[in-house]
Amino acid sequence: VLEGCRHNNVDHLVYASSSSVYGGNTRMPF
């Protein structure tokens, strides 16, 4: 997806990340 955007002048890539990235964090809110 990144390569397609890079080589074809895409204006903006919006992508799904996740709250899971906070992993072992305990300070709330994330």
PDB file of all heavy atoms in Angstrom:
ATOM      1  N   VAL A   1       0.839  -1.205   0.000  1.00  0.00           N
ATOM      2  CA  VAL A   1       0.000   0.000   0.000  1.00  0.00           C
ATOM      3  C   VAL A   1       0.874   1.257   0.000  1.00  0.00           C
ATOM      4  O   VAL A   1       0.628   2.207  -0.759  1.00  0.00           O
ATOM      5  CB  VAL A   1      -0.947  -0.009   1.215  1.00  0.00           C
ATOM      6  CG1 VAL A   1      -1.679   1.322   1.343  1.00  0.00           C
ATOM      7  CG2 VAL A   1      -1.954  -1.154   1.100  1.00  0.00           C
ATOM      8  N   LEU A   2       1.877   1.279   0.857  1.00  0.00           N
ATOM      9  CA  LEU A   2       2.791   2.430   0.897  1.00  0.00           C
ATOM     10  C   LEU A   2       3.455   2.654  -0.460  1.00  0.00           C
ATOM     11  O   LEU A   2       3.553   3.799  -0.941  1.00  0.00           O
ATOM     12  CB  LEU A   2       3.859   2.212   1.965  1.00  0.00           C
ATOM     13  CG  LEU A   2       3.423   2.354   3.423  1.00  0.00           C
ATOM     14  CD1 LEU A   2       4.519   1.844   4.343  1.00  0.00           C
ATOM     15  CD2 LEU A   2       3.079   3.811   3.766  1.00  0.00           C
ATOM     16  N   GLU A   3       3.927   1.592  -1.086  1.00  0.00           N
ATOM     17  CA  GLU A   3       4.589   1.721  -2.378  1.00  0.00           C
ATOM     18  C   GLU A   3       3.610   2.225  -3.445  1.00  0.00           C
ATOM     19  O   GLU A   3       3.966   3.058  -4.287  1.00  0.00           O
ATOM     20  CB  GLU A   3       5.184   0.373  -2.793  1.00  0.00           C
ATOM     21  CG  GLU A   3       6.491   0.055  -2.100  1.00  0.00           C
ATOM     22  CD  GLU A   3       7.616   0.921  -2.636  1.00  0.00           C
ATOM     23  OE1 GLU A   3       8.134   0.637  -3.731  1.00  0.00           O
ATOM     24  OE2 GLU A   3       7.977   1.915  -1.949  1.00  0.00           O
ATOM     25  N   GLY A   4       2.377   1.719  -3.413  1.00  0.00           N
ATOM     26  CA  GLY A   4       1.385   2.201  -4.362  1.00  0.00           C
ATOM     27  C   GLY A   4       1.119   3.682  -4.204  1.00  0.00           C
ATOM     28  O   GLY A   4       1.029   4.428  -5.195  1.00  0.00           O
ATOM     29  N   CYS A   5       1.013   4.138  -2.967  1.00  0.00           N
ATOM     30  CA  CYS A   5       0.788   5.558  -2.708  1.00  0.00           C
ATOM     31  C   CYS A   5       1.989   6.390  -3.144  1.00  0.00           C
ATOM     32  O   CYS A   5       1.848   7.449  -3.775  1.00  0.00           O
ATOM     33  CB  CYS A   5       0.523   5.784  -1.221  1.00  0.00           C
ATOM     34  SG  CYS A   5      -1.028   5.095  -0.610  1.00  0.00           S
ATOM     35  N   ARG A   6       3.165   5.906  -2.824  1.00  0.00           N
ATOM     36  CA  ARG A   6       4.400   6.645  -3.141  1.00  0.00           C
ATOM     37  C   ARG A   6       4.568   6.862  -4.642  1.00  0.00           C
ATOM     38  O   ARG A   6       4.904   7.963  -5.097  1.00  0.00           O
ATOM     39  CB  ARG A   6       5.590   5.871  -2.586  1.00  0.00           C
ATOM     40  CG  ARG A   6       6.942   6.347  -3.096  1.00  0.00           C
ATOM     41  CD  ARG A   6       8.019   5.297  -2.859  1.00  0.00           C
ATOM     42  NE  ARG A   6       9.254   5.658  -3.532  1.00  0.00           N
ATOM     43  CZ  ARG A   6      10.285   4.857  -3.706  1.00  0.00           C
ATOM     44  NH1 ARG A   6      10.217   3.611  -3.245  1.00  0.00           N
ATOM     45  NH2 ARG A   6      11.377   5.256  -4.327  1.00  0.00           N
ATOM     46  N   HIS A   7       4.334   5.822  -5.419  1.00  0.00           N
ATOM     47  CA  HIS A   7       4.628   5.890  -6.849  1.00  0.00           C
ATOM     48  C   HIS A   7       3.489   6.480  -7.679  1.00  0.00           C
ATOM     49  O   HIS A   7       3.660   6.675  -8.899  1.00  0.00           O
ATOM     50  CB  HIS A   7       4.967   4.491  -7.374  1.00  0.00           C
ATOM     51  CG  HIS A   7       6.288   3.978  -6.906  1.00  0.00           C
ATOM     52  ND1 HIS A   7       7.490   4.543  -7.269  1.00  0.00           N
ATOM     53  CD2 HIS A   7       6.592   2.942  -6.069  1.00  0.00           C
ATOM     54  CE1 HIS A   7       8.486   3.876  -6.695  1.00  0.00           C
ATOM     55  NE2 HIS A   7       7.971   2.907  -5.957  1.00  0.00           N
ATOM     56  N   ASN A   8       2.365   6.771  -7.049  1.00  0.00           N
ATOM     57  CA  ASN A   8       1.206   7.221  -7.831  1.00  0.00           C
ATOM     58  C   ASN A   8       0.576   8.493  -7.286  1.00  0.00           C
ATOM     59  O   ASN A   8      -0.600   8.765  -7.520  1.00  0.00           O
ATOM     60  CB  ASN A   8       0.179   6.087  -7.917  1.00  0.00           C
ATOM     61  CG  ASN A   8       0.726   4.887  -8.685  1.00  0.00           C
ATOM     62  OD1 ASN A   8       0.722   4.875  -9.904  1.00  0.00           O
ATOM     63  ND2 ASN A   8       1.208   3.888  -7.963  1.00  0.00           N
ATOM     64  N   ASN A   9       1.346   9.274  -6.570  1.00  0.00           N
ATOM     65  CA  ASN A   9       0.951  10.618  -6.157  1.00  0.00           C
ATOM     66  C   ASN A   9      -0.365  10.663  -5.389  1.00  0.00           C
ATOM     67  O   ASN A   9      -1.201  11.557  -5.607  1.00  0.00           O
ATOM     68  CB  ASN A   9       0.869  11.547  -7.386  1.00  0.00           C
ATOM     69  CG  ASN A   9       2.186  11.629  -8.140  1.00  0.00           C
ATOM     70  OD1 ASN A   9       3.233  11.848  -7.532  1.00  0.00           O
ATOM     71  ND2 ASN A   9       2.136  11.432  -9.446  1.00  0.00           N
ATOM     72  N   VAL A  10      -0.548   9.706  -4.487  1.00  0.00           N
ATOM     73  CA  VAL A  10      -1.732   9.728  -3.623  1.00  0.00           C
ATOM     74  C   VAL A  10      -1.609  10.904  -2.650  1.00  0.00           C
ATOM     75  O   VAL A  10      -0.554  11.105  -2.046  1.00  0.00           O
ATOM     76  CB  VAL A  10      -1.876   8.392  -2.881  1.00  0.00           C
ATOM     77  CG1 VAL A  10      -2.937   8.469  -1.789  1.00  0.00           C
ATOM     78  CG2 VAL A  10      -2.219   7.283  -3.875  1.00  0.00           C
ATOM     79  N   ASP A  11      -2.694  11.665  -2.496  1.00  0.00           N
ATOM     80  CA  ASP A  11      -2.675  12.873  -1.659  1.00  0.00           C
ATOM     81  C   ASP A  11      -2.560  12.560  -0.173  1.00  0.00           C
ATOM     82  O   ASP A  11      -1.998  13.343   0.595  1.00  0.00           O
ATOM     83  CB  ASP A  11      -3.954  13.693  -1.869  1.00  0.00           C
ATOM     84  CG  ASP A  11      -4.066  14.253  -3.271  1.00  0.00           C
ATOM     85  OD1 ASP A  11      -3.027  14.412  -3.932  1.00  0.00           O
ATOM     86  OD2 ASP A  11      -5.206  14.516  -3.697  1.00  0.00           O
ATOM     87  N   HIS A  12      -3.152  11.420   0.253  1.00  0.00           N
ATOM     88  CA  HIS A  12      -3.244  11.160   1.689  1.00  0.00           C
ATOM     89  C   HIS A  12      -3.541   9.684   1.906  1.00  0.00           C
ATOM     90  O   HIS A  12      -4.470   9.131   1.298  1.00  0.00           O
ATOM     91  CB  HIS A  12      -4.364  12.014   2.310  1.00  0.00           C
ATOM     92  CG  HIS A  12      -4.430  11.989   3.800  1.00  0.00           C
ATOM     93  ND1 HIS A  12      -5.531  12.473   4.505  1.00  0.00           N
ATOM     94  CD2 HIS A  12      -3.555  11.549   4.744  1.00  0.00           C
ATOM     95  CE1 HIS A  12      -5.309  12.338   5.798  1.00  0.00           C
ATOM     96  NE2 HIS A  12      -4.118  11.772   5.973  1.00  0.00           N
ATOM     97  N   LEU A  13      -2.756   9.051   2.758  1.00  0.00           N
ATOM     98  CA  LEU A  13      -3.011   7.672   3.189  1.00  0.00           C
ATOM     99  C   LEU A  13      -3.487   7.692   4.632  1.00  0.00           C
ATOM    100  O   LEU A  13      -2.765   8.152   5.525  1.00  0.00           O
ATOM    101  CB  LEU A  13      -1.739   6.830   3.077  1.00  0.00           C
ATOM    102  CG  LEU A  13      -1.754   5.467   3.793  1.00  0.00           C
ATOM    103  CD1 LEU A  13      -2.826   4.552   3.198  1.00  0.00           C
ATOM    104  CD2 LEU A  13      -0.378   4.803   3.737  1.00  0.00           C
ATOM    105  N   VAL A  14      -4.701   7.206   4.855  1.00  0.00           N
ATOM    106  CA  VAL A  14      -5.242   7.016   6.199  1.00  0.00           C
ATOM    107  C   VAL A  14      -5.266   5.510   6.450  1.00  0.00           C
ATOM    108  O   VAL A  14      -5.757   4.755   5.605  1.00  0.00           O
ATOM    109  CB  VAL A  14      -6.667   7.590   6.320  1.00  0.00           C
ATOM    110  CG1 VAL A  14      -7.249   7.329   7.705  1.00  0.00           C
ATOM    111  CG2 VAL A  14      -6.659   9.091   6.020  1.00  0.00           C
ATOM    112  N   TYR A  15      -4.727   5.065   7.578  1.00  0.00           N
ATOM    113  CA  TYR A  15      -4.618   3.632   7.816  1.00  0.00           C
ATOM    114  C   TYR A  15      -5.025   3.291   9.247  1.00  0.00           C
ATOM    115  O   TYR A  15      -4.929   4.116  10.159  1.00  0.00           O
ATOM    116  CB  TYR A  15      -3.197   3.137   7.540  1.00  0.00           C
ATOM    117  CG  TYR A  15      -2.147   3.743   8.431  1.00  0.00           C
ATOM    118  CD1 TYR A  15      -1.728   3.105   9.600  1.00  0.00           C
ATOM    119  CD2 TYR A  15      -1.570   4.975   8.125  1.00  0.00           C
ATOM    120  CE1 TYR A  15      -0.778   3.670  10.433  1.00  0.00           C
ATOM    121  CE2 TYR A  15      -0.609   5.557   8.950  1.00  0.00           C
ATOM    122  CZ  TYR A  15      -0.222   4.894  10.102  1.00  0.00           C
ATOM    123  OH  TYR A  15       0.710   5.470  10.928  1.00  0.00           O
ATOM    124  N   ALA A  16      -5.483   2.057   9.411  1.00  0.00           N
ATOM    125  CA  ALA A  16      -5.933   1.583  10.717  1.00  0.00           C
ATOM    126  C   ALA A  16      -4.745   1.121  11.540  1.00  0.00           C
ATOM    127  O   ALA A  16      -4.008   0.220  11.140  1.00  0.00           O
ATOM    128  CB  ALA A  16      -6.924   0.438  10.545  1.00  0.00           C
ATOM    129  N   SER A  17      -4.580   1.733  12.707  1.00  0.00           N
ATOM    130  CA  SER A  17      -3.703   1.194  13.733  1.00  0.00           C
ATOM    131  C   SER A  17      -4.620   0.594  14.795  1.00  0.00           C
ATOM    132  O   SER A  17      -5.743   0.189  14.491  1.00  0.00           O
ATOM    133  CB  SER A  17      -2.784   2.275  14.293  1.00  0.00           C
ATOM    134  OG  SER A  17      -1.854   1.711  15.205  1.00  0.00           O
ATOM    135  N   SER A  18      -4.197   0.538  16.032  1.00  0.00           N
ATOM    136  CA  SER A  18      -5.000  -0.126  17.054  1.00  0.00           C
ATOM    137  C   SER A  18      -4.610   0.349  18.444  1.00  0.00           C
ATOM    138  O   SER A  18      -3.437   0.680  18.695  1.00  0.00           O
ATOM    139  CB  SER A  18      -4.800  -1.643  16.959  1.00  0.00           C
ATOM    140  OG  SER A  18      -5.342  -2.313  18.075  1.00  0.00           O
ATOM    141  N   SER A  19      -5.582   0.338  19.343  1.00  0.00           N
ATOM    142  CA  SER A  19      -5.281   0.613  20.753  1.00  0.00           C
ATOM    143  C   SER A  19      -4.344  -0.433  21.336  1.00  0.00           C
ATOM    144  O   SER A  19      -3.704  -0.191  22.374  1.00  0.00           O
ATOM    145  CB  SER A  19      -6.576   0.667  21.572  1.00  0.00           C
ATOM    146  OG  SER A  19      -7.243  -0.593  21.545  1.00  0.00           O
ATOM    147  N   SER A  20      -4.217  -1.576  20.667  1.00  0.00           N
ATOM    148  CA  SER A  20      -3.321  -2.630  21.148  1.00  0.00           C
ATOM    149  C   SER A  20      -1.871  -2.173  21.213  1.00  0.00           C
ATOM    150  O   SER A  20      -1.070  -2.781  21.933  1.00  0.00           O
ATOM    151  CB  SER A  20      -3.422  -3.862  20.254  1.00  0.00           C
ATOM    152  OG  SER A  20      -4.714  -4.422  20.295  1.00  0.00           O
ATOM    153  N   VAL A  21      -1.521  -1.121  20.480  1.00  0.00           N
ATOM    154  CA  VAL A  21      -0.122  -0.677  20.493  1.00  0.00           C
ATOM    155  C   VAL A  21       0.302  -0.201  21.887  1.00  0.00           C
ATOM    156  O   VAL A  21       1.496  -0.181  22.199  1.00  0.00           O
ATOM    157  CB  VAL A  21       0.146   0.438  19.465  1.00  0.00           C
ATOM    158  CG1 VAL A  21      -0.174  -0.036  18.055  1.00  0.00           C
ATOM    159  CG2 VAL A  21      -0.591   1.725  19.802  1.00  0.00           C
ATOM    160  N   TYR A  22      -0.660   0.166  22.737  1.00  0.00           N
ATOM    161  CA  TYR A  22      -0.309   0.652  24.073  1.00  0.00           C
ATOM    162  C   TYR A  22       0.193  -0.476  24.972  1.00  0.00           C
ATOM    163  O   TYR A  22       0.825  -0.218  26.001  1.00  0.00           O
ATOM    164  CB  TYR A  22      -1.500   1.377  24.707  1.00  0.00           C
ATOM    165  CG  TYR A  22      -1.773   2.704  24.032  1.00  0.00           C
ATOM    166  CD1 TYR A  22      -2.828   2.852  23.136  1.00  0.00           C
ATOM    167  CD2 TYR A  22      -0.971   3.804  24.274  1.00  0.00           C
ATOM    168  CE1 TYR A  22      -3.075   4.057  22.496  1.00  0.00           C
ATOM    169  CE2 TYR A  22      -1.203   5.013  23.641  1.00  0.00           C
ATOM    170  CZ  TYR A  22      -2.259   5.135  22.743  1.00  0.00           C
ATOM    171  OH  TYR A  22      -2.487   6.326  22.107  1.00  0.00           O
ATOM    172  N   GLY A  23      -0.094  -1.720  24.602  1.00  0.00           N
ATOM    173  CA  GLY A  23       0.517  -2.876  25.241  1.00  0.00           C
ATOM    174  C   GLY A  23       0.493  -2.854  26.747  1.00  0.00           C
ATOM    175  O   GLY A  23      -0.566  -2.795  27.378  1.00  0.00           O
ATOM    176  N   GLY A  24       1.677  -2.889  27.335  1.00  0.00           N
ATOM    177  CA  GLY A  24       1.798  -2.975  28.783  1.00  0.00           C
ATOM    178  C   GLY A  24       1.642  -1.664  29.519  1.00  0.00           C
ATOM    179  O   GLY A  24       1.829  -1.620  30.743  1.00  0.00           O
ATOM    180  N   ASN A  25       1.300  -0.579  28.810  1.00  0.00           N
ATOM    181  CA  ASN A  25       1.110   0.716  29.480  1.00  0.00           C
ATOM    182  C   ASN A  25       0.002   0.629  30.525  1.00  0.00           C
ATOM    183  O   ASN A  25      -1.030  -0.005  30.309  1.00  0.00           O
ATOM    184  CB  ASN A  25       0.744   1.807  28.474  1.00  0.00           C
ATOM    185  CG  ASN A  25       1.899   2.183  27.558  1.00  0.00           C
ATOM    186  OD1 ASN A  25       2.872   1.444  27.451  1.00  0.00           O
ATOM    187  ND2 ASN A  25       1.782   3.310  26.887  1.00  0.00           N
ATOM    188  N   THR A  26       0.199   1.298  31.639  1.00  0.00           N
ATOM    189  CA  THR A  26      -0.821   1.310  32.696  1.00  0.00           C
ATOM    190  C   THR A  26      -1.333   2.711  33.008  1.00  0.00           C
ATOM    191  O   THR A  26      -2.345   2.847  33.693  1.00  0.00           O
ATOM    192  CB  THR A  26      -0.267   0.693  33.997  1.00  0.00           C
ATOM    193  OG1 THR A  26       0.902   1.410  34.401  1.00  0.00           O
ATOM    194  CG2 THR A  26       0.080  -0.779  33.784  1.00  0.00           C
ATOM    195  N   ARG A  27      -0.676   3.744  32.506  1.00  0.00           N
ATOM    196  CA  ARG A  27      -1.166   5.104  32.745  1.00  0.00           C
ATOM    197  C   ARG A  27      -2.386   5.358  31.872  1.00  0.00           C
ATOM    198  O   ARG A  27      -2.348   5.153  30.661  1.00  0.00           O
ATOM    199  CB  ARG A  27      -0.071   6.133  32.430  1.00  0.00           C
ATOM    200  CG  ARG A  27      -0.504   7.564  32.743  1.00  0.00           C
ATOM    201  CD  ARG A  27       0.639   8.535  32.601  1.00  0.00           C
ATOM    202  NE  ARG A  27       1.122   8.638  31.224  1.00  0.00           N
ATOM    203  CZ  ARG A  27       2.112   9.425  30.868  1.00  0.00           C
ATOM    204  NH1 ARG A  27       2.757  10.144  31.772  1.00  0.00           N
ATOM    205  NH2 ARG A  27       2.496   9.470  29.600  1.00  0.00           N
ATOM    206  N   MET A  28      -3.464   5.804  32.498  1.00  0.00           N
ATOM    207  CA  MET A  28      -4.725   6.057  31.789  1.00  0.00           C
ATOM    208  C   MET A  28      -5.080   7.544  31.884  1.00  0.00           C
ATOM    209  O   MET A  28      -4.796   8.181  32.881  1.00  0.00           O
ATOM    210  CB  MET A  28      -5.855   5.225  32.411  1.00  0.00           C
ATOM    211  CG  MET A  28      -5.622   3.721  32.369  1.00  0.00           C
ATOM    212  SD  MET A  28      -5.898   3.061  30.722  1.00  0.00           S
ATOM    213  CE  MET A  28      -5.433   1.342  30.984  1.00  0.00           C
ATOM    214  N   PRO A  29      -5.782   8.086  30.883  1.00  0.00           N
ATOM    215  CA  PRO A  29      -6.100   7.443  29.607  1.00  0.00           C
ATOM    216  C   PRO A  29      -4.869   7.342  28.705  1.00  0.00           C
ATOM    217  O   PRO A  29      -3.901   8.073  28.886  1.00  0.00           O
ATOM    218  CB  PRO A  29      -7.155   8.368  29.002  1.00  0.00           C
ATOM    219  CG  PRO A  29      -6.812   9.726  29.553  1.00  0.00           C
ATOM    220  CD  PRO A  29      -6.311   9.475  30.949  1.00  0.00           C
ATOM    221  N   PHE A  30      -4.943   6.440  27.722  1.00  0.00           N
ATOM    222  CA  PHE A  30      -3.862   6.311  26.754  1.00  0.00           C
ATOM    223  C   PHE A  30      -3.837   7.554  25.868  1.00  0.00           C
ATOM    224  O   PHE A  30      -4.858   7.935  25.288  1.00  0.00           O
ATOM    225  CB  PHE A  30      -4.069   5.087  25.864  1.00  0.00           C
ATOM    226  CG  PHE A  30      -3.985   3.768  26.587  1.00  0.00           C
ATOM    227  CD1 PHE A  30      -4.700   2.675  26.122  1.00  0.00           C
ATOM    228  CD2 PHE A  30      -3.171   3.598  27.696  1.00  0.00           C
ATOM    229  CE1 PHE A  30      -4.618   1.445  26.754  1.00  0.00           C
ATOM    230  CE2 PHE A  30      -3.083   2.368  28.344  1.00  0.00           C
ATOM    231  CZ  PHE A  30      -3.809   1.287  27.874  1.00  0.00           C
TER     232      PHE A  30
END
